[in-house]
Amino acid sequence: MDKPTIAGKAPLPIDLEAGKTYAWCSCGESSSQPFCDGSHKGSSFTPKVFVAEETKTAYFCTCKHTNNPGFCDGTHKGL
């Protein structure tokens, strides 16, 4: 499996809107971090698409090595 590009080493707080669809960048190449802009095309990566269940602030992974795709789990601390 290919390794993603580390886009950052800190989570990004994002205000989510309940019912809205989001696409988290898994490749690390998007210029719209932490979300997908299609930069993965032609690679083995695909975005993690989800619908927010509630309106809240979530902390999105930018290192792309999280074990909870989309959301920061602290993995960046060991990179």
PDB file of N, CA and C in Angstrom:
ATOM      1  N   MET A   1       0.851  -1.192   0.000  1.00  0.00           N
ATOM      2  CA  MET A   1       0.000   0.000   0.000  1.00  0.00           C
ATOM      3  C   MET A   1       0.887   1.243   0.000  1.00  0.00           C
ATOM      4  N   ASP A   2       0.476   2.248  -0.741  1.00  0.00           N
ATOM      5  CA  ASP A   2       1.207   3.513  -0.793  1.00  0.00           C
ATOM      6  C   ASP A   2       1.113   4.245   0.535  1.00  0.00           C
ATOM      7  N   LYS A   3       2.113   5.057   0.811  1.00  0.00           N
ATOM      8  CA  LYS A   3       2.102   5.881   2.027  1.00  0.00           C
ATOM      9  C   LYS A   3       1.615   7.276   1.659  1.00  0.00           C
ATOM     10  N   PRO A   4       0.728   7.844   2.485  1.00  0.00           N
ATOM     11  CA  PRO A   4       0.234   9.189   2.202  1.00  0.00           C
ATOM     12  C   PRO A   4       1.289  10.247   2.513  1.00  0.00           C
ATOM     13  N   THR A   5       1.143  11.387   1.882  1.00  0.00           N
ATOM     14  CA  THR A   5       1.977  12.550   2.180  1.00  0.00           C
ATOM     15  C   THR A   5       1.504  13.147   3.502  1.00  0.00           C
ATOM     16  N   ILE A   6       2.428  13.477   4.370  1.00  0.00           N
ATOM     17  CA  ILE A   6       2.066  14.125   5.640  1.00  0.00           C
ATOM     18  C   ILE A   6       1.812  15.596   5.333  1.00  0.00           C
ATOM     19  N   ALA A   7       0.556  16.000   5.424  1.00  0.00           N
ATOM     20  CA  ALA A   7       0.175  17.379   5.111  1.00  0.00           C
ATOM     21  C   ALA A   7       0.400  18.307   6.301  1.00  0.00           C
ATOM     22  N   GLY A   8       0.462  17.742   7.496  1.00  0.00           N
ATOM     23  CA  GLY A   8       0.678  18.528   8.709  1.00  0.00           C
ATOM     24  C   GLY A   8       0.871  17.606   9.890  1.00  0.00           C
ATOM     25  N   LYS A   9       1.309  18.167  10.990  1.00  0.00           N
ATOM     26  CA  LYS A   9       1.517  17.360  12.199  1.00  0.00           C
ATOM     27  C   LYS A   9       0.719  17.894  13.374  1.00  0.00           C
ATOM     28  N   ALA A  10      -0.427  18.449  13.057  1.00  0.00           N
ATOM     29  CA  ALA A  10      -1.357  18.919  14.084  1.00  0.00           C
ATOM     30  C   ALA A  10      -2.767  18.801  13.516  1.00  0.00           C
ATOM     31  N   PRO A  11      -3.736  18.494  14.370  1.00  0.00           N
ATOM     32  CA  PRO A  11      -5.113  18.400  13.883  1.00  0.00           C
ATOM     33  C   PRO A  11      -5.676  19.768  13.519  1.00  0.00           C
ATOM     34  N   LEU A  12      -6.648  19.762  12.633  1.00  0.00           N
ATOM     35  CA  LEU A  12      -7.348  20.998  12.260  1.00  0.00           C
ATOM     36  C   LEU A  12      -8.761  20.962  12.819  1.00  0.00           C
ATOM     37  N   PRO A  13      -9.130  21.946  13.637  1.00  0.00           N
ATOM     38  CA  PRO A  13     -10.505  21.997  14.137  1.00  0.00           C
ATOM     39  C   PRO A  13     -11.429  22.514  13.031  1.00  0.00           C
ATOM     40  N   ILE A  14     -12.490  21.776  12.786  1.00  0.00           N
ATOM     41  CA  ILE A  14     -13.458  22.135  11.747  1.00  0.00           C
ATOM     42  C   ILE A  14     -14.853  22.094  12.359  1.00  0.00           C
ATOM     43  N   ASP A  15     -15.644  23.142  12.115  1.00  0.00           N
ATOM     44  CA  ASP A  15     -17.030  23.167  12.570  1.00  0.00           C
ATOM     45  C   ASP A  15     -17.884  22.419  11.556  1.00  0.00           C
ATOM     46  N   LEU A  16     -18.398  21.272  11.974  1.00  0.00           N
ATOM     47  CA  LEU A  16     -19.245  20.453  11.110  1.00  0.00           C
ATOM     48  C   LEU A  16     -20.700  20.869  11.244  1.00  0.00           C
ATOM     49  N   GLU A  17     -21.438  20.674  10.145  1.00  0.00           N
ATOM     50  CA  GLU A  17     -22.867  20.959  10.104  1.00  0.00           C
ATOM     51  C   GLU A  17     -23.623  19.657   9.975  1.00  0.00           C
ATOM     52  N   ALA A  18     -24.559  19.396  10.855  1.00  0.00           N
ATOM     53  CA  ALA A  18     -25.345  18.164  10.799  1.00  0.00           C
ATOM     54  C   ALA A  18     -26.006  18.016   9.429  1.00  0.00           C
ATOM     55  N   GLY A  19     -25.900  16.814   8.854  1.00  0.00           N
ATOM     56  CA  GLY A  19     -26.528  16.519   7.569  1.00  0.00           C
ATOM     57  C   GLY A  19     -25.678  16.862   6.364  1.00  0.00           C
ATOM     58  N   LYS A  20     -24.584  17.569   6.553  1.00  0.00           N
ATOM     59  CA  LYS A  20     -23.722  17.963   5.436  1.00  0.00           C
ATOM     60  C   LYS A  20     -22.708  16.850   5.144  1.00  0.00           C
ATOM     61  N   THR A  21     -22.409  16.658   3.850  1.00  0.00           N
ATOM     62  CA  THR A  21     -21.447  15.645   3.422  1.00  0.00           C
ATOM     63  C   THR A  21     -20.051  16.248   3.328  1.00  0.00           C
ATOM     64  N   TYR A  22     -19.064  15.504   3.841  1.00  0.00           N
ATOM     65  CA  TYR A  22     -17.661  15.924   3.830  1.00  0.00           C
ATOM     66  C   TYR A  22     -16.822  14.814   3.213  1.00  0.00           C
ATOM     67  N   ALA A  23     -15.700  15.182   2.613  1.00  0.00           N
ATOM     68  CA  ALA A  23     -14.778  14.211   2.023  1.00  0.00           C
ATOM     69  C   ALA A  23     -13.367  14.523   2.517  1.00  0.00           C
ATOM     70  N   TRP A  24     -12.895  13.727   3.475  1.00  0.00           N
ATOM     71  CA  TRP A  24     -11.575  13.908   4.060  1.00  0.00           C
ATOM     72  C   TRP A  24     -10.505  13.389   3.105  1.00  0.00           C
ATOM     73  N   CYS A  25      -9.474  14.162   2.895  1.00  0.00           N
ATOM     74  CA  CYS A  25      -8.343  13.789   2.044  1.00  0.00           C
ATOM     75  C   CYS A  25      -7.524  12.707   2.739  1.00  0.00           C
ATOM     76  N   SER A  26      -7.315  11.580   2.071  1.00  0.00           N
ATOM     77  CA  SER A  26      -6.502  10.507   2.646  1.00  0.00           C
ATOM     78  C   SER A  26      -5.096  10.456   2.060  1.00  0.00           C
ATOM     79  N   CYS A  27      -4.862  11.162   0.956  1.00  0.00           N
ATOM     80  CA  CYS A  27      -3.556  11.096   0.279  1.00  0.00           C
ATOM     81  C   CYS A  27      -2.564  12.135   0.792  1.00  0.00           C
ATOM     82  N   GLY A  28      -3.072  13.244   1.318  1.00  0.00           N
ATOM     83  CA  GLY A  28      -2.216  14.310   1.823  1.00  0.00           C
ATOM     84  C   GLY A  28      -1.823  15.341   0.782  1.00  0.00           C
ATOM     85  N   GLU A  29      -2.266  15.168  -0.450  1.00  0.00           N
ATOM     86  CA  GLU A  29      -1.876  16.070  -1.544  1.00  0.00           C
ATOM     87  C   GLU A  29      -2.851  17.224  -1.782  1.00  0.00           C
ATOM     88  N   SER A  30      -4.021  17.189  -1.183  1.00  0.00           N
ATOM     89  CA  SER A  30      -5.035  18.222  -1.411  1.00  0.00           C
ATOM     90  C   SER A  30      -4.560  19.598  -0.959  1.00  0.00           C
ATOM     91  N   SER A  31      -4.891  20.604  -1.731  1.00  0.00           N
ATOM     92  CA  SER A  31      -4.574  21.982  -1.331  1.00  0.00           C
ATOM     93  C   SER A  31      -5.705  22.558  -0.477  1.00  0.00           C
ATOM     94  N   SER A  32      -6.725  21.749  -0.225  1.00  0.00           N
ATOM     95  CA  SER A  32      -7.874  22.155   0.596  1.00  0.00           C
ATOM     96  C   SER A  32      -7.924  21.370   1.894  1.00  0.00           C
ATOM     97  N   GLN A  33      -6.776  21.127   2.513  1.00  0.00           N
ATOM     98  CA  GLN A  33      -6.701  20.319   3.739  1.00  0.00           C
ATOM     99  C   GLN A  33      -7.663  20.816   4.805  1.00  0.00           C
ATOM    100  N   PRO A  34      -8.333  19.914   5.500  1.00  0.00           N
ATOM    101  CA  PRO A  34      -8.155  18.478   5.489  1.00  0.00           C
ATOM    102  C   PRO A  34      -9.052  17.763   4.493  1.00  0.00           C
ATOM    103  N   PHE A  35      -9.682  18.514   3.614  1.00  0.00           N
ATOM    104  CA  PHE A  35     -10.656  17.919   2.705  1.00  0.00           C
ATOM    105  C   PHE A  35     -10.085  17.670   1.316  1.00  0.00           C
ATOM    106  N   CYS A  36     -10.731  16.773   0.603  1.00  0.00           N
ATOM    107  CA  CYS A  36     -10.300  16.333  -0.725  1.00  0.00           C
ATOM    108  C   CYS A  36     -10.571  17.391  -1.792  1.00  0.00           C
ATOM    109  N   ASP A  37      -9.596  17.558  -2.688  1.00  0.00           N
ATOM    110  CA  ASP A  37      -9.799  18.419  -3.858  1.00  0.00           C
ATOM    111  C   ASP A  37      -9.590  17.636  -5.154  1.00  0.00           C
ATOM    112  N   GLY A  38      -9.487  16.302  -5.046  1.00  0.00           N
ATOM    113  CA  GLY A  38      -9.317  15.453  -6.228  1.00  0.00           C
ATOM    114  C   GLY A  38      -7.870  15.159  -6.577  1.00  0.00           C
ATOM    115  N   SER A  39      -6.922  15.634  -5.772  1.00  0.00           N
ATOM    116  CA  SER A  39      -5.500  15.429  -6.065  1.00  0.00           C
ATOM    117  C   SER A  39      -5.096  13.958  -6.052  1.00  0.00           C
ATOM    118  N   HIS A  40      -5.902  13.093  -5.473  1.00  0.00           N
ATOM    119  CA  HIS A  40      -5.590  11.671  -5.392  1.00  0.00           C
ATOM    120  C   HIS A  40      -5.790  10.937  -6.720  1.00  0.00           C
ATOM    121  N   LYS A  41      -6.443  11.556  -7.678  1.00  0.00           N
ATOM    122  CA  LYS A  41      -6.769  10.880  -8.937  1.00  0.00           C
ATOM    123  C   LYS A  41      -5.521  10.254  -9.543  1.00  0.00           C
ATOM    124  N   GLY A  42      -5.639   8.991  -9.948  1.00  0.00           N
ATOM    125  CA  GLY A  42      -4.526   8.265 -10.518  1.00  0.00           C
ATOM    126  C   GLY A  42      -3.679   7.551  -9.474  1.00  0.00           C
ATOM    127  N   SER A  43      -4.060   7.662  -8.199  1.00  0.00           N
ATOM    128  CA  SER A  43      -3.328   6.995  -7.120  1.00  0.00           C
ATOM    129  C   SER A  43      -4.222   5.905  -6.512  1.00  0.00           C
ATOM    130  N   SER A  44      -3.706   5.235  -5.512  1.00  0.00           N
ATOM    131  CA  SER A  44      -4.483   4.196  -4.828  1.00  0.00           C
ATOM    132  C   SER A  44      -5.357   4.774  -3.707  1.00  0.00           C
ATOM    133  N   PHE A  45      -5.307   6.078  -3.504  1.00  0.00           N
ATOM    134  CA  PHE A  45      -6.053   6.711  -2.420  1.00  0.00           C
ATOM    135  C   PHE A  45      -7.452   7.124  -2.848  1.00  0.00           C
ATOM    136  N   THR A  46      -8.370   7.093  -1.897  1.00  0.00           N
ATOM    137  CA  THR A  46      -9.726   7.601  -2.100  1.00  0.00           C
ATOM    138  C   THR A  46     -10.100   8.395  -0.851  1.00  0.00           C
ATOM    139  N   PRO A  47     -10.927   9.418  -1.003  1.00  0.00           N
ATOM    140  CA  PRO A  47     -11.316  10.201   0.170  1.00  0.00           C
ATOM    141  C   PRO A  47     -12.262   9.409   1.077  1.00  0.00           C
ATOM    142  N   LYS A  48     -12.275   9.777   2.335  1.00  0.00           N
ATOM    143  CA  LYS A  48     -13.219   9.206   3.301  1.00  0.00           C
ATOM    144  C   LYS A  48     -14.425  10.145   3.309  1.00  0.00           C
ATOM    145  N   VAL A  49     -15.521   9.691   2.702  1.00  0.00           N
ATOM    146  CA  VAL A  49     -16.728  10.509   2.582  1.00  0.00           C
ATOM    147  C   VAL A  49     -17.684  10.133   3.711  1.00  0.00           C
ATOM    148  N   PHE A  50     -18.235  11.148   4.371  1.00  0.00           N
ATOM    149  CA  PHE A  50     -19.180  10.902   5.459  1.00  0.00           C
ATOM    150  C   PHE A  50     -20.149  12.065   5.583  1.00  0.00           C
ATOM    151  N   VAL A  51     -21.270  11.791   6.230  1.00  0.00           N
ATOM    152  CA  VAL A  51     -22.273  12.815   6.533  1.00  0.00           C
ATOM    153  C   VAL A  51     -22.203  13.087   8.030  1.00  0.00           C
ATOM    154  N   ALA A  52     -22.056  14.338   8.404  1.00  0.00           N
ATOM    155  CA  ALA A  52     -21.984  14.704   9.822  1.00  0.00           C
ATOM    156  C   ALA A  52     -23.315  14.392  10.500  1.00  0.00           C
ATOM    157  N   GLU A  53     -23.213  13.681  11.598  1.00  0.00           N
ATOM    158  CA  GLU A  53     -24.419  13.309  12.338  1.00  0.00           C
ATOM    159  C   GLU A  53     -24.931  14.429  13.226  1.00  0.00           C
ATOM    160  N   GLU A  54     -24.003  15.316  13.618  1.00  0.00           N
ATOM    161  CA  GLU A  54     -24.404  16.430  14.479  1.00  0.00           C
ATOM    162  C   GLU A  54     -23.554  17.652  14.174  1.00  0.00           C
ATOM    163  N   THR A  55     -24.050  18.810  14.575  1.00  0.00           N
ATOM    164  CA  THR A  55     -23.299  20.049  14.429  1.00  0.00           C
ATOM    165  C   THR A  55     -22.354  20.131  15.616  1.00  0.00           C
ATOM    166  N   LYS A  56     -21.045  20.168  15.322  1.00  0.00           N
ATOM    167  CA  LYS A  56     -20.042  20.205  16.380  1.00  0.00           C
ATOM    168  C   LYS A  56     -18.682  20.532  15.782  1.00  0.00           C
ATOM    169  N   THR A  57     -17.712  20.788  16.632  1.00  0.00           N
ATOM    170  CA  THR A  57     -16.338  20.968  16.193  1.00  0.00           C
ATOM    171  C   THR A  57     -15.650  19.610  16.268  1.00  0.00           C
ATOM    172  N   ALA A  58     -15.007  19.223  15.165  1.00  0.00           N
ATOM    173  CA  ALA A  58     -14.264  17.961  15.111  1.00  0.00           C
ATOM    174  C   ALA A  58     -12.817  18.288  14.759  1.00  0.00           C
ATOM    175  N   TYR A  59     -11.909  17.434  15.198  1.00  0.00           N
ATOM    176  CA  TYR A  59     -10.481  17.639  14.947  1.00  0.00           C
ATOM    177  C   TYR A  59     -10.012  16.648  13.894  1.00  0.00           C
ATOM    178  N   PHE A  60      -9.693  17.187  12.721  1.00  0.00           N
ATOM    179  CA  PHE A  60      -9.340  16.360  11.576  1.00  0.00           C
ATOM    180  C   PHE A  60      -7.845  16.119  11.476  1.00  0.00           C
ATOM    181  N   CYS A  61      -7.507  14.887  11.112  1.00  0.00           N
ATOM    182  CA  CYS A  61      -6.123  14.460  10.942  1.00  0.00           C
ATOM    183  C   CYS A  61      -5.528  15.102   9.692  1.00  0.00           C
ATOM    184  N   THR A  62      -4.297  15.623   9.834  1.00  0.00           N
ATOM    185  CA  THR A  62      -3.565  16.140   8.671  1.00  0.00           C
ATOM    186  C   THR A  62      -2.311  15.319   8.385  1.00  0.00           C
ATOM    187  N   CYS A  63      -1.926  14.442   9.325  1.00  0.00           N
ATOM    188  CA  CYS A  63      -0.741  13.604   9.082  1.00  0.00           C
ATOM    189  C   CYS A  63      -1.091  12.422   8.185  1.00  0.00           C
ATOM    190  N   LYS A  64      -2.375  12.085   8.094  1.00  0.00           N
ATOM    191  CA  LYS A  64      -2.908  11.021   7.238  1.00  0.00           C
ATOM    192  C   LYS A  64      -2.531   9.617   7.699  1.00  0.00           C
ATOM    193  N   HIS A  65      -2.040   9.477   8.923  1.00  0.00           N
ATOM    194  CA  HIS A  65      -1.664   8.170   9.457  1.00  0.00           C
ATOM    195  C   HIS A  65      -2.587   7.723  10.597  1.00  0.00           C
ATOM    196  N   THR A  66      -3.669   8.420  10.819  1.00  0.00           N
ATOM    197  CA  THR A  66      -4.609   8.097  11.887  1.00  0.00           C
ATOM    198  C   THR A  66      -5.183   6.685  11.731  1.00  0.00           C
ATOM    199  N   ASN A  67      -5.527   6.077  12.838  1.00  0.00           N
ATOM    200  CA  ASN A  67      -6.218   4.784  12.824  1.00  0.00           C
ATOM    201  C   ASN A  67      -7.727   4.980  12.846  1.00  0.00           C
ATOM    202  N   ASN A  68      -8.159   6.232  12.827  1.00  0.00           N
ATOM    203  CA  ASN A  68      -9.577   6.600  12.804  1.00  0.00           C
ATOM    204  C   ASN A  68      -9.766   7.549  11.620  1.00  0.00           C
ATOM    205  N   PRO A  69      -9.729   7.020  10.387  1.00  0.00           N
ATOM    206  CA  PRO A  69      -9.702   7.869   9.187  1.00  0.00           C
ATOM    207  C   PRO A  69     -10.621   9.084   9.238  1.00  0.00           C
ATOM    208  N   GLY A  70      -9.986  10.220   9.010  1.00  0.00           N
ATOM    209  CA  GLY A  70     -10.670  11.497   9.047  1.00  0.00           C
ATOM    210  C   GLY A  70     -10.336  12.276  10.310  1.00  0.00           C
ATOM    211  N   PHE A  71     -10.332  11.574  11.413  1.00  0.00           N
ATOM    212  CA  PHE A  71     -10.221  12.251  12.701  1.00  0.00           C
ATOM    213  C   PHE A  71      -8.873  11.984  13.379  1.00  0.00           C
ATOM    214  N   CYS A  72      -8.365  12.996  14.040  1.00  0.00           N
ATOM    215  CA  CYS A  72      -7.080  12.879  14.725  1.00  0.00           C
ATOM    216  C   CYS A  72      -7.174  11.909  15.895  1.00  0.00           C
ATOM    217  N   ASP A  73      -6.187  11.013  15.984  1.00  0.00           N
ATOM    218  CA  ASP A  73      -6.092  10.116  17.129  1.00  0.00           C
ATOM    219  C   ASP A  73      -4.752  10.253  17.840  1.00  0.00           C
ATOM    220  N   GLY A  74      -3.986  11.307  17.479  1.00  0.00           N
ATOM    221  CA  GLY A  74      -2.703  11.575  18.123  1.00  0.00           C
ATOM    222  C   GLY A  74      -1.511  10.900  17.473  1.00  0.00           C
ATOM    223  N   THR A  75      -1.726  10.162  16.393  1.00  0.00           N
ATOM    224  CA  THR A  75      -0.637   9.452  15.713  1.00  0.00           C
ATOM    225  C   THR A  75       0.473  10.408  15.291  1.00  0.00           C
ATOM    226  N   HIS A  76       0.135  11.649  14.962  1.00  0.00           N
ATOM    227  CA  HIS A  76       1.133  12.624  14.499  1.00  0.00           C
ATOM    228  C   HIS A  76       2.250  12.844  15.521  1.00  0.00           C
ATOM    229  N   LYS A  77       1.983  12.588  16.776  1.00  0.00           N
ATOM    230  CA  LYS A  77       2.987  12.813  17.826  1.00  0.00           C
ATOM    231  C   LYS A  77       4.180  11.879  17.688  1.00  0.00           C
ATOM    232  N   GLY A  78       3.979  10.732  17.032  1.00  0.00           N
ATOM    233  CA  GLY A  78       5.066   9.768  16.860  1.00  0.00           C
ATOM    234  C   GLY A  78       5.738   9.811  15.496  1.00  0.00           C
ATOM    235  N   LEU A  79       5.359  10.767  14.674  1.00  0.00           N
ATOM    236  CA  LEU A  79       5.944  10.837  13.324  1.00  0.00           C
ATOM    237  C   LEU A  79       7.182  11.722  13.295  1.00  0.00           C
TER     238      LEU A  79
END
